Amino acid sequence: MAYDLAIVGAGPAGAAAALTARLVAPDADVVLLERAAFPRDKPCGDALSPDAVAELAKLGAARTVHGFAPVERLRLRSPGGIEVADAPPAIGYVVPRLVFDERLASAARDTGIDWRQATVRGVDPAGDRVTLQTSAGDVTARAVIGADGANSVVRRGLTGAAPAARHMGVAVRGYAPAPAGPRELQLIWEAAGALAYAWSFPIDDRRCNVGYGVFGTATPPRRAHLVERMTALLSNGSSVDSVRGHRLPLSSGGARLGAGRVLLVGDAASLINPLTGEGIYYALLSGRLAASAALRSPGAPSSAYRATLYAALGAHLRSTRWLARLAAKPRVLDQLVRAASASPATLELLADLAFGKGALTPVTALTLASGLARSLPSRATPRRPT
């Protein structure tokens, strides 16, 4: 038997694909292949942006954030120490991936799909079928979704290539005691020879998810350096536990969406924001769109997926790619954060570019230009000679 759809990986992208499959084609034969036993941890920032929360609602999985309070404040700090802090433009949450992924995977499993714990070792697309070689035997499907992360076996089997080093990021993540005060989501950019940033995401009144990452360097920094900077910037003098590192295939090198009957989603598709490392929203969105394309356009799933994803994210991906190149210059980030401090509309735009699907259009470019103009120091009117 050939399944209608095989999904490799049960993280947010794969779970979103499974949930969508049941919504758009309740009678389809769907198998999900996952090598890990849940619950399992994933080294990552744990923030769920407002757009990610909206995706969960579309999937019928809004309960995955229950029991966690919304973020109360957003704080940005530029390499030059310029800060802006305000209420976030929309509701977001911070849910540890150990909890979030288990809840979402359980929701997918409860739809009645065929769930198999197996490791995928190879991909053979041939004709109108794709065969996956797995530790539990071969699996054949009319379409395959590769949701197996930054080190995707499905992507390697399809393209044989990894993202270029200049379009990779490396980061470490840990957990630290929460500081006193409101639940504040922080992003701190640094001048480090490349785009570098630290984050602190408040889980509750007791602890925060903290991390530090560097983007776009041919030679990745040592783990010890990443941990040192994370601790110095975010620990408040306390120890950081559960420290783990991870690689980030950035969208600045172009999204890799697959070909033919093999579709790539989430980290496997290099869908990670090159400004902030955000990837959960992209994972949920791409998983949903890929499953819909695979089951509604079985004759040309790759073309349908590419069209719908670029309609949703094309302008955003181009905008963040351009901004990431500019943001490698510390003074640019200084000016952007200064503009956000002078204009609430500019802060909302930057937050949407950093965590959502914001794009630089003529209207939003005018918003940004207005914020930059307001942030410039005023000049006294020169006196006329008497």
Protein backbone atom coordinates (compact mmCIF):
# COMPACT_ATOMS: atom_id res chain seq x y z
CA MET A 1 0.00 0.00 0.00
CA ALA A 2 1.14 3.52 -0.76
CA TYR A 3 0.12 6.13 1.78
CA ASP A 4 -1.37 9.33 0.48
CA LEU A 5 1.11 11.27 2.63
CA ALA A 6 4.17 10.41 4.71
CA ILE A 7 5.49 12.98 7.21
CA VAL A 8 9.03 12.69 8.56
CA GLY A 9 9.41 14.34 11.97
CA ALA A 10 6.87 15.17 14.68
CA GLY A 11 8.13 18.60 15.76
CA PRO A 12 5.93 21.66 15.22
CA ALA A 13 6.18 21.51 11.40
CA GLY A 14 5.41 17.79 11.18
CA ALA A 15 2.63 17.94 13.77
CA ALA A 16 1.09 20.91 11.92
CA ALA A 17 1.19 18.90 8.70
CA ALA A 18 -0.53 15.92 10.37
CA LEU A 19 -3.25 18.09 11.91
CA THR A 20 -3.86 19.78 8.56
CA ALA A 21 -4.07 16.46 6.76
CA ARG A 22 -6.98 15.43 8.95
CA LEU A 23 -8.71 18.79 8.43
CA VAL A 24 -8.46 18.90 4.62
CA ALA A 25 -8.70 15.16 3.80
CA PRO A 26 -10.21 13.19 6.71
CA ASP A 27 -10.12 9.90 4.78
CA ALA A 28 -6.51 10.18 3.58
CA ASP A 29 -3.99 7.52 4.60
CA VAL A 30 -1.29 9.41 6.50
CA VAL A 31 1.79 8.07 8.27
CA LEU A 32 4.09 10.05 10.54
CA LEU A 33 7.62 8.77 11.16
CA GLU A 34 9.48 10.04 14.24
CA ARG A 35 12.72 8.64 15.63
CA ALA A 36 12.40 10.11 19.15
CA ALA A 37 10.08 9.12 21.97
CA PHE A 38 8.00 12.01 23.29
CA PRO A 39 8.24 13.99 25.46
CA ARG A 40 11.65 15.12 24.27
CA ASP A 41 13.48 18.42 24.61
CA LYS A 42 14.54 20.61 21.68
CA PRO A 43 17.25 23.26 22.06
CA CYS A 44 15.46 26.40 20.94
CA GLY A 45 14.02 29.70 22.03
CA ASP A 46 10.61 28.90 23.50
CA ALA A 47 8.70 32.01 22.37
CA LEU A 48 5.44 31.68 20.45
CA SER A 49 4.77 34.87 18.49
CA PRO A 50 1.25 36.21 17.92
CA ASP A 51 1.36 34.78 14.39
CA ALA A 52 2.36 31.37 15.77
CA VAL A 53 -0.57 31.53 18.21
CA ALA A 54 -2.89 32.35 15.29
CA GLU A 55 -1.54 29.30 13.39
CA LEU A 56 -2.27 27.07 16.38
CA ALA A 57 -5.87 28.28 16.33
CA LYS A 58 -6.16 27.39 12.62
CA LEU A 59 -4.89 23.90 13.42
CA GLY A 60 -7.40 23.43 16.24
CA ALA A 61 -4.49 23.29 18.71
CA ALA A 62 -4.98 26.48 20.73
CA ARG A 63 -4.89 24.45 23.96
CA THR A 64 -1.14 23.95 23.59
CA VAL A 65 -0.56 27.31 25.34
CA HIS A 66 -3.01 26.72 28.21
CA GLY A 67 -1.55 27.29 31.65
CA PHE A 68 1.00 29.85 30.45
CA ALA A 69 0.54 33.61 30.84
CA PRO A 70 0.99 36.03 27.93
CA VAL A 71 4.15 38.09 27.60
CA GLU A 72 3.64 41.51 29.21
CA ARG A 73 6.46 43.57 27.71
CA LEU A 74 8.84 43.57 24.76
CA ARG A 75 12.33 45.06 25.15
CA LEU A 76 14.88 45.60 22.36
CA ARG A 77 18.47 46.73 22.92
CA SER A 78 20.83 47.70 20.10
CA PRO A 79 24.62 47.11 19.99
CA GLY A 80 25.12 50.72 21.11
CA GLY A 81 22.94 50.24 24.19
CA ILE A 82 19.85 52.03 22.86
CA GLU A 83 16.69 50.47 24.32
CA VAL A 84 12.97 50.51 23.76
CA ALA A 85 10.42 48.71 25.94
CA ASP A 86 6.66 48.64 25.63
CA ALA A 87 3.65 46.36 25.70
CA PRO A 88 3.83 43.90 22.79
CA PRO A 89 1.59 44.74 19.82
CA ALA A 90 -0.25 41.40 20.15
CA ILE A 91 -0.44 38.42 22.51
CA GLY A 92 2.42 35.94 22.55
CA TYR A 93 3.49 33.18 24.95
CA VAL A 94 6.58 31.33 26.08
CA VAL A 95 6.07 27.56 26.40
CA PRO A 96 9.08 25.24 26.94
CA ARG A 97 9.59 23.02 23.92
CA LEU A 98 9.55 19.97 26.18
CA VAL A 99 5.91 20.83 26.92
CA PHE A 100 4.85 22.48 23.67
CA ASP A 101 6.14 19.78 21.32
CA GLU A 102 4.59 17.01 23.41
CA ARG A 103 1.20 18.74 23.45
CA LEU A 104 1.25 19.38 19.71
CA ALA A 105 2.50 15.87 18.88
CA SER A 106 -0.21 14.37 21.10
CA ALA A 107 -2.84 16.39 19.25
CA ALA A 108 -1.52 15.03 15.95
CA ARG A 109 -1.40 11.46 17.27
CA ASP A 110 -4.98 11.75 18.50
CA THR A 111 -6.23 12.37 14.95
CA GLY A 112 -5.76 8.66 14.24
CA ILE A 113 -2.89 8.89 11.77
CA ASP A 114 -0.48 5.97 11.56
CA TRP A 115 2.29 6.98 14.00
CA ARG A 116 5.54 5.01 13.76
CA GLN A 117 8.69 5.38 15.82
CA ALA A 118 11.35 4.87 13.18
CA THR A 119 14.50 6.50 11.82
CA VAL A 120 14.48 7.54 8.16
CA ARG A 121 17.75 6.68 6.43
CA GLY A 122 17.12 7.41 2.76
CA VAL A 123 14.70 8.86 0.22
CA ASP A 124 13.97 7.50 -3.26
CA PRO A 125 11.58 9.62 -5.35
CA ALA A 126 10.58 7.67 -8.45
CA GLY A 127 7.61 8.34 -10.69
CA ASP A 128 4.37 8.91 -8.83
CA ARG A 129 5.67 7.37 -5.59
CA VAL A 130 8.33 8.19 -3.01
CA THR A 131 9.98 5.41 -1.00
CA LEU A 132 11.50 6.08 2.40
CA GLN A 133 14.10 3.64 3.74
CA THR A 134 13.56 3.44 7.50
CA SER A 135 14.74 1.42 10.48
CA ALA A 136 11.33 -0.29 10.44
CA GLY A 137 11.33 -1.12 6.72
CA ASP A 138 10.42 0.76 3.54
CA VAL A 139 7.47 3.15 3.50
CA THR A 140 5.92 4.30 0.21
CA ALA A 141 3.76 7.38 -0.24
CA ARG A 142 2.36 9.56 -3.00
CA ALA A 143 3.92 12.59 -1.31
CA VAL A 144 6.47 13.10 1.48
CA ILE A 145 6.91 16.05 3.82
CA GLY A 146 10.38 16.41 5.33
CA ALA A 147 9.95 18.00 8.76
CA ASP A 148 13.10 16.49 10.24
CA GLY A 149 14.96 19.63 11.28
CA ALA A 150 18.23 21.39 10.59
CA ASN A 151 20.08 18.13 9.83
CA SER A 152 17.27 16.82 7.61
CA VAL A 153 17.86 13.40 6.08
CA VAL A 154 15.06 14.10 3.62
CA ARG A 155 16.74 17.30 2.40
CA ARG A 156 20.11 15.58 2.02
CA GLY A 157 18.49 12.73 0.10
CA LEU A 158 16.80 15.21 -2.22
CA THR A 159 19.48 17.87 -2.75
CA GLY A 160 22.68 16.29 -1.42
CA ALA A 161 23.74 19.67 -0.09
CA ALA A 162 23.76 21.50 3.23
CA PRO A 163 23.21 25.27 3.56
CA ALA A 164 26.33 27.40 3.00
CA ALA A 165 28.22 28.36 6.16
CA ARG A 166 27.47 32.06 5.67
CA HIS A 167 23.77 31.25 5.91
CA MET A 168 24.05 29.21 9.09
CA GLY A 169 23.74 30.34 12.67
CA VAL A 170 24.81 28.68 15.89
CA ALA A 171 23.26 29.26 19.29
CA VAL A 172 23.13 27.95 22.83
CA ARG A 173 20.05 27.84 25.00
CA GLY A 174 19.50 27.37 28.72
CA TYR A 175 17.20 28.25 31.61
CA ALA A 176 17.83 30.89 34.29
CA PRO A 177 15.89 32.37 37.22
CA ALA A 178 13.45 35.07 36.15
CA PRO A 179 14.28 38.65 37.18
CA ALA A 180 11.81 40.62 39.26
CA GLY A 181 9.23 42.68 37.41
CA PRO A 182 6.91 42.10 34.46
CA ARG A 183 7.22 39.09 32.16
CA GLU A 184 9.48 40.78 29.64
CA LEU A 185 10.66 39.32 26.35
CA GLN A 186 14.14 40.69 25.60
CA LEU A 187 16.29 40.77 22.49
CA ILE A 188 19.82 42.17 22.86
CA TRP A 189 21.95 42.59 19.73
CA GLU A 190 25.74 42.85 19.99
CA ALA A 191 28.60 43.96 17.76
CA ALA A 192 30.65 40.78 17.40
CA GLY A 193 32.08 40.87 13.88
CA ALA A 194 28.76 39.39 12.70
CA LEU A 195 25.11 39.66 13.65
CA ALA A 196 24.95 38.37 17.24
CA TYR A 197 22.14 38.52 19.74
CA ALA A 198 21.02 37.32 23.14
CA TRP A 199 17.46 36.56 24.19
CA SER A 200 15.51 36.16 27.39
CA PHE A 201 11.97 34.77 27.15
CA PRO A 202 9.88 34.64 30.38
CA ILE A 203 8.19 31.29 31.00
CA ASP A 204 6.64 32.25 34.34
CA ASP A 205 7.54 34.18 37.49
CA ARG A 206 10.32 31.70 38.32
CA ARG A 207 12.39 31.09 35.18
CA CYS A 208 13.31 32.28 31.72
CA ASN A 209 14.49 30.64 28.54
CA VAL A 210 17.79 32.37 27.70
CA GLY A 211 20.20 32.04 24.82
CA TYR A 212 22.89 33.56 22.64
CA GLY A 213 23.46 33.12 18.91
CA VAL A 214 25.79 34.27 16.14
CA PHE A 215 24.73 34.37 12.48
CA GLY A 216 26.50 34.20 9.17
CA THR A 217 30.13 33.44 10.05
CA ALA A 218 32.32 31.13 7.97
CA THR A 219 33.94 29.87 11.20
CA PRO A 220 31.37 29.28 13.96
CA PRO A 221 32.36 30.57 17.41
CA ARG A 222 33.29 28.10 20.12
CA ARG A 223 30.52 26.85 22.38
CA ALA A 224 32.43 28.20 25.40
CA HIS A 225 32.26 31.71 23.93
CA LEU A 226 28.51 31.44 23.30
CA VAL A 227 27.89 30.24 26.86
CA GLU A 228 30.11 32.98 28.27
CA ARG A 229 28.21 35.74 26.45
CA MET A 230 24.82 34.24 27.33
CA THR A 231 25.75 34.08 31.00
CA ALA A 232 27.22 37.57 31.07
CA LEU A 233 24.21 39.21 29.45
CA LEU A 234 21.28 37.27 30.84
CA SER A 235 21.92 35.24 33.99
CA ASN A 236 21.61 38.09 36.54
CA GLY A 237 24.48 36.49 38.41
CA SER A 238 22.69 33.13 38.68
CA SER A 239 23.67 29.83 37.10
CA VAL A 240 22.16 28.77 33.77
CA ASP A 241 21.09 25.13 33.53
CA SER A 242 20.06 22.73 30.74
CA VAL A 243 22.48 24.42 28.32
CA ARG A 244 22.34 22.94 24.83
CA GLY A 245 23.57 24.10 21.43
CA HIS A 246 21.86 24.03 18.05
CA ARG A 247 22.40 24.99 14.41
CA LEU A 248 20.14 27.43 12.58
CA PRO A 249 19.77 27.15 8.76
CA LEU A 250 18.80 30.74 7.94
CA SER A 251 16.36 31.89 5.28
CA SER A 252 18.94 34.46 4.11
CA GLY A 253 20.34 31.75 1.83
CA GLY A 254 16.94 31.13 0.25
CA ALA A 255 14.24 28.68 1.31
CA ARG A 256 14.65 25.07 0.15
CA LEU A 257 11.10 23.86 -0.38
CA GLY A 258 11.78 20.54 -2.09
CA ALA A 259 10.85 19.26 -5.53
CA GLY A 260 8.37 16.95 -7.17
CA ARG A 261 6.56 14.92 -4.52
CA VAL A 262 8.99 15.72 -1.70
CA LEU A 263 8.25 18.91 0.25
CA LEU A 264 10.50 20.47 2.91
CA VAL A 265 9.15 22.48 5.84
CA GLY A 266 10.40 24.33 8.91
CA ASP A 267 14.11 24.06 9.69
CA ALA A 268 14.57 21.45 6.94
CA ALA A 269 13.54 24.15 4.45
CA SER A 270 15.92 26.75 5.99
CA LEU A 271 12.94 28.74 7.23
CA ILE A 272 14.59 30.57 10.13
CA ASN A 273 14.52 34.35 10.55
CA PRO A 274 18.05 35.73 9.95
CA LEU A 275 17.44 38.62 12.35
CA THR A 276 16.28 36.72 15.44
CA GLY A 277 16.48 32.96 14.85
CA GLU A 278 12.67 32.69 15.07
CA GLY A 279 11.41 29.51 13.44
CA ILE A 280 8.32 28.13 15.18
CA TYR A 281 5.86 30.34 13.29
CA TYR A 282 7.48 29.39 9.98
CA ALA A 283 7.36 25.72 10.98
CA LEU A 284 3.65 25.77 11.78
CA LEU A 285 2.76 27.76 8.66
CA SER A 286 4.91 25.73 6.24
CA GLY A 287 3.69 22.42 7.71
CA ARG A 288 0.08 23.50 7.22
CA LEU A 289 0.62 24.73 3.66
CA ALA A 290 2.66 21.68 2.62
CA ALA A 291 0.06 19.18 3.83
CA SER A 292 -2.72 21.12 2.14
CA ALA A 293 -0.79 21.18 -1.16
CA ALA A 294 0.12 17.48 -0.96
CA LEU A 295 -3.49 16.37 -0.48
CA ARG A 296 -5.37 18.98 -2.52
CA SER A 297 -2.95 19.11 -5.47
CA PRO A 298 -1.70 15.51 -5.70
CA GLY A 299 -0.58 15.94 -9.31
CA ALA A 300 1.79 18.83 -8.59
CA PRO A 301 2.23 19.22 -4.82
CA SER A 302 5.59 21.01 -4.99
CA SER A 303 4.31 23.73 -7.33
CA ALA A 304 1.19 24.29 -5.22
CA TYR A 305 3.21 24.43 -1.99
CA ARG A 306 5.77 26.85 -3.41
CA ALA A 307 3.04 29.18 -4.70
CA THR A 308 1.11 29.29 -1.42
CA LEU A 309 4.18 29.66 0.79
CA TYR A 310 5.64 32.52 -1.24
CA ALA A 311 2.24 34.22 -1.36
CA ALA A 312 2.25 34.11 2.46
CA LEU A 313 5.93 34.78 3.16
CA GLY A 314 7.72 35.89 0.00
CA ALA A 315 7.78 39.62 0.77
CA HIS A 316 8.66 38.92 4.40
CA LEU A 317 11.60 36.66 3.50
CA ARG A 318 12.98 39.25 1.07
CA SER A 319 12.61 41.99 3.70
CA THR A 320 14.36 40.07 6.49
CA ARG A 321 17.16 39.01 4.11
CA TRP A 322 17.79 42.64 3.22
CA LEU A 323 17.57 43.84 6.82
CA ALA A 324 19.92 41.11 8.02
CA ARG A 325 22.60 42.34 5.63
CA LEU A 326 22.14 45.90 6.88
CA ALA A 327 21.96 44.83 10.53
CA ALA A 328 25.47 43.39 10.34
CA LYS A 329 26.48 47.05 10.74
CA PRO A 330 25.89 47.93 14.43
CA ARG A 331 24.98 51.56 13.66
CA VAL A 332 22.02 50.40 11.55
CA LEU A 333 20.53 48.49 14.48
CA ASP A 334 21.19 51.47 16.74
CA GLN A 335 19.15 53.66 14.41
CA LEU A 336 16.35 51.10 14.01
CA VAL A 337 15.93 50.68 17.77
CA ARG A 338 16.16 54.45 18.27
CA ALA A 339 13.39 54.83 15.69
CA ALA A 340 11.27 52.23 17.50
CA SER A 341 11.69 54.17 20.74
CA ALA A 342 10.37 57.30 19.01
CA SER A 343 7.44 55.66 17.21
CA PRO A 344 5.08 52.89 18.45
CA ALA A 345 4.23 52.07 14.83
CA THR A 346 7.92 51.47 14.09
CA LEU A 347 8.24 49.20 17.14
CA GLU A 348 5.24 47.20 15.95
CA LEU A 349 6.79 46.88 12.47
CA LEU A 350 10.15 45.71 13.85
CA ALA A 351 8.41 43.17 16.10
CA ASP A 352 6.47 41.84 13.11
CA LEU A 353 9.66 41.59 11.03
CA ALA A 354 11.48 39.84 13.88
CA PHE A 355 8.78 37.36 14.96
CA GLY A 356 5.99 37.31 12.41
CA LYS A 357 5.35 37.91 8.73
CA GLY A 358 5.98 41.66 8.50
CA ALA A 359 7.36 43.03 5.23
CA LEU A 360 8.78 46.26 3.89
CA THR A 361 6.13 47.62 1.54
CA PRO A 362 5.76 51.24 0.41
CA VAL A 363 3.46 51.84 3.39
CA THR A 364 5.65 50.13 6.01
CA ALA A 365 8.80 51.69 4.52
CA LEU A 366 7.14 55.07 5.08
CA THR A 367 6.42 54.04 8.69
CA LEU A 368 10.08 53.12 9.15
CA ALA A 369 11.29 56.34 7.53
CA SER A 370 8.95 58.36 9.74
CA GLY A 371 10.28 56.62 12.86
CA LEU A 372 13.86 57.24 11.79
CA ALA A 373 13.08 60.92 11.17
CA ARG A 374 11.50 61.30 14.60
CA SER A 375 14.50 59.68 16.24
CA LEU A 376 16.98 62.19 14.82
CA PRO A 377 18.12 64.86 17.30
CA SER A 378 16.33 68.14 16.75
CA ARG A 379 18.37 71.16 15.71
CA ALA A 380 17.76 74.58 17.15
CA THR A 381 16.64 77.17 14.59
CA PRO A 382 19.66 79.37 13.83
CA ARG A 383 19.34 82.97 14.88
CA ARG A 384 19.27 85.63 12.21
CA PRO A 385 22.03 88.16 12.51
CA THR A 386 20.88 91.46 14.07
